[in-house]
Protein backbone atom coordinates (compact mmCIF):
# COMPACT_ATOMS: atom_id res chain seq x y z
CA MET A 1 8.00 155.41 21.73
CA SER A 2 7.48 153.41 18.48
CA SER A 3 8.26 153.46 14.98
CA GLY A 4 7.32 151.22 12.08
CA GLU A 5 7.30 151.02 8.16
CA VAL A 6 4.25 149.94 5.86
CA ILE A 7 5.18 147.62 3.17
CA ALA A 8 2.64 147.91 0.09
CA SER A 9 1.77 145.08 -1.94
CA PRO A 10 4.08 144.72 -4.66
CA LEU A 11 1.32 142.64 -6.60
CA THR A 12 -1.80 142.31 -7.55
CA GLY A 13 -3.39 138.66 -6.81
CA GLU A 14 -4.71 136.52 -4.02
CA ILE A 15 -3.39 136.93 -0.57
CA LYS A 16 -1.65 133.32 0.69
CA PRO A 17 -0.16 132.40 4.09
CA LEU A 18 3.63 131.63 3.58
CA SER A 19 2.71 128.36 5.28
CA THR A 20 0.76 127.24 2.27
CA ILE A 21 3.34 127.54 -0.05
CA GLU A 22 5.05 124.31 -1.32
CA ASP A 23 8.63 125.34 -0.76
CA ALA A 24 9.80 124.50 2.86
CA ALA A 25 12.32 127.34 3.52
CA PHE A 26 9.58 129.76 3.32
CA SER A 27 6.58 127.73 4.60
CA SER A 28 8.84 126.99 7.81
CA GLY A 29 10.15 130.24 8.11
CA ALA A 30 13.32 130.01 7.31
CA ILE A 31 14.11 132.83 5.29
CA GLY A 32 11.61 135.28 6.80
CA GLN A 33 7.94 135.69 7.71
CA GLY A 34 5.51 137.58 5.77
CA VAL A 35 2.97 136.29 3.10
CA ALA A 36 2.30 135.38 -0.25
CA ILE A 37 0.67 136.50 -3.33
CA GLU A 38 -0.92 134.42 -6.14
CA PRO A 39 -0.30 137.04 -8.69
CA THR A 40 -2.96 137.91 -11.53
CA GLU A 41 -0.54 140.71 -13.12
CA GLY A 42 3.25 139.79 -14.21
CA ARG A 43 4.36 143.32 -13.15
CA LEU A 44 6.18 143.18 -9.80
CA VAL A 45 6.96 146.55 -8.46
CA SER A 46 8.60 148.11 -5.38
CA PRO A 47 6.79 147.89 -1.74
CA VAL A 48 8.57 150.78 -0.64
CA SER A 49 11.19 153.18 -1.25
CA SER A 50 14.27 151.39 -1.18
CA THR A 51 17.56 150.32 -2.88
CA VAL A 52 18.18 146.87 -4.80
CA THR A 53 20.08 144.75 -2.74
CA ALA A 54 20.39 141.45 -4.67
CA LEU A 55 19.08 140.59 -8.08
CA PHE A 56 19.32 136.97 -9.19
CA PRO A 57 20.48 136.29 -12.36
CA THR A 58 17.76 134.67 -13.21
CA LYS A 59 15.42 137.57 -12.52
CA HIS A 60 13.36 135.53 -10.53
CA ALA A 61 13.84 136.97 -7.47
CA ILE A 62 14.92 140.40 -5.83
CA GLY A 63 16.39 141.62 -2.50
CA ILE A 64 15.85 145.36 -1.52
CA THR A 65 16.59 147.36 1.58
CA SER A 66 13.91 149.87 2.67
CA ASP A 67 14.85 153.32 3.81
CA GLU A 68 13.83 152.57 7.13
CA GLY A 69 16.21 149.44 7.06
CA THR A 70 13.94 146.67 6.30
CA GLU A 71 14.94 143.74 4.43
CA ILE A 72 12.71 142.32 1.88
CA LEU A 73 12.98 139.20 -0.28
CA ILE A 74 10.31 138.55 -3.15
CA HIS A 75 10.61 135.24 -4.63
CA ILE A 76 8.29 134.76 -8.14
CA GLY A 77 7.16 131.43 -8.34
CA MET A 78 8.40 128.22 -6.62
CA ASN A 79 11.31 126.28 -8.52
CA THR A 80 11.39 129.16 -11.40
CA VAL A 81 14.99 129.45 -10.83
CA GLN A 82 15.14 126.57 -13.22
CA LEU A 83 13.68 128.76 -16.03
CA GLU A 84 17.35 130.57 -15.86
CA GLY A 85 15.85 134.02 -16.63
CA LYS A 86 13.11 132.84 -19.50
CA TRP A 87 10.13 134.87 -19.38
CA PHE A 88 11.36 137.36 -16.70
CA THR A 89 12.53 140.92 -17.50
CA ALA A 90 14.30 143.10 -15.23
CA HIS A 91 14.00 147.09 -14.81
CA VAL A 92 16.52 147.47 -12.33
CA THR A 93 20.00 146.09 -11.53
CA GLU A 94 22.21 145.70 -8.18
CA GLY A 95 22.47 148.63 -6.16
CA THR A 96 19.90 150.69 -7.85
CA ARG A 97 17.67 153.43 -6.39
CA ILE A 98 14.06 152.79 -6.03
CA GLU A 99 10.90 154.48 -5.27
CA LYS A 100 7.98 153.14 -4.04
CA GLY A 101 5.99 151.45 -6.95
CA GLN A 102 8.49 151.55 -9.35
CA LEU A 103 8.46 148.42 -12.18
CA LEU A 104 10.86 146.36 -11.15
CA ILE A 105 10.20 142.61 -12.91
CA GLU A 106 8.35 141.90 -15.59
CA PHE A 107 7.40 138.20 -15.78
CA ASN A 108 4.79 136.18 -18.13
CA ILE A 109 2.49 134.42 -15.85
CA GLU A 110 1.03 132.22 -18.80
CA GLU A 111 3.94 130.66 -19.79
CA ILE A 112 5.75 130.16 -16.13
CA GLN A 113 2.44 128.09 -15.43
CA ALA A 114 2.53 126.43 -18.86
CA ALA A 115 5.96 125.06 -18.11
CA GLY A 116 4.82 123.39 -15.22
CA PHE A 117 5.44 125.76 -12.23
CA LYS A 118 3.71 127.67 -9.88
CA THR A 119 3.41 131.64 -9.81
CA VAL A 120 2.38 131.98 -6.19
CA THR A 121 5.29 134.78 -4.96
CA PRO A 122 6.69 134.90 -1.18
CA ILE A 123 7.11 138.49 -0.10
CA VAL A 124 9.18 138.14 3.12
CA ILE A 125 10.84 139.97 5.65
CA THR A 126 14.54 138.64 6.16
CA ASN A 127 15.47 140.92 9.48
CA LEU A 128 11.92 140.70 11.41
CA THR A 129 13.79 140.09 14.48
CA GLU A 130 14.72 143.65 14.60
CA TYR A 131 10.69 144.37 15.10
CA THR A 132 8.59 144.13 18.16
CA ASP A 133 5.18 143.36 16.31
CA TRP A 134 3.86 143.07 12.67
CA HIS A 135 0.54 142.38 11.22
CA ILE A 136 -0.64 141.14 7.52
CA THR A 137 -3.66 142.75 6.23
CA ASN A 138 -6.54 140.33 6.44
CA LYS A 139 -7.84 141.11 2.64
CA LYS A 140 -7.87 138.00 0.56
CA HIS A 141 -7.31 139.88 -2.46
CA ILE A 142 -4.67 142.85 -2.77
CA GLN A 143 -4.22 145.62 -5.89
CA VAL A 144 -0.84 146.64 -6.27
CA GLY A 145 0.16 149.67 -3.88
CA GLU A 146 -2.35 148.54 -0.87
CA PRO A 147 -0.90 147.95 2.29
CA ILE A 148 -0.18 144.33 2.71
CA LEU A 149 2.19 144.63 5.95
CA ALA A 150 2.82 146.48 9.15
CA LEU A 151 5.86 146.64 10.86
CA HIS A 152 6.76 147.98 14.50
CA LYS A 153 9.59 148.50 16.73
CA THR A 154 10.16 150.09 19.69
CA ASN A 155 13.24 152.39 20.30
CA GLN A 156 14.50 152.12 23.91
CA GLN A 157 15.43 155.39 25.19
CA HIS A 158 18.24 155.05 27.86
CA ILE A 159 17.67 157.97 30.33
């Protein structure tokens, strides 16, 4: 018997492998496995029904735990912590119960890029070891809400 979860895209944009990210913690998989998106819109929505488990004070990163127990970290841009929240607006707080598709954070892509920061956004599963198999969509461009990751786990039943 197997179970799993489908993670929807929290952004619209171009899909990139994590290995191409200019941040060793993400590209090496040290934080977790997943995918990155170069966003074309500055709106980040929840990829699953979940609870906000961490919202960085600078609003550039958010951690959520899905109703199924999947732990997801979404980090908007590279080194954007240095912006100290400028051009980021959070619409949720830590501990908030959220529905799939709900607006989490808005961010100004043009201003962030003009300040010299990349907006490529890693979406990583930080508890992937709990899953036996996972797949990333083979699409190159994705719309918000479309399936981006499929996770599977085998439930072992003891008799």
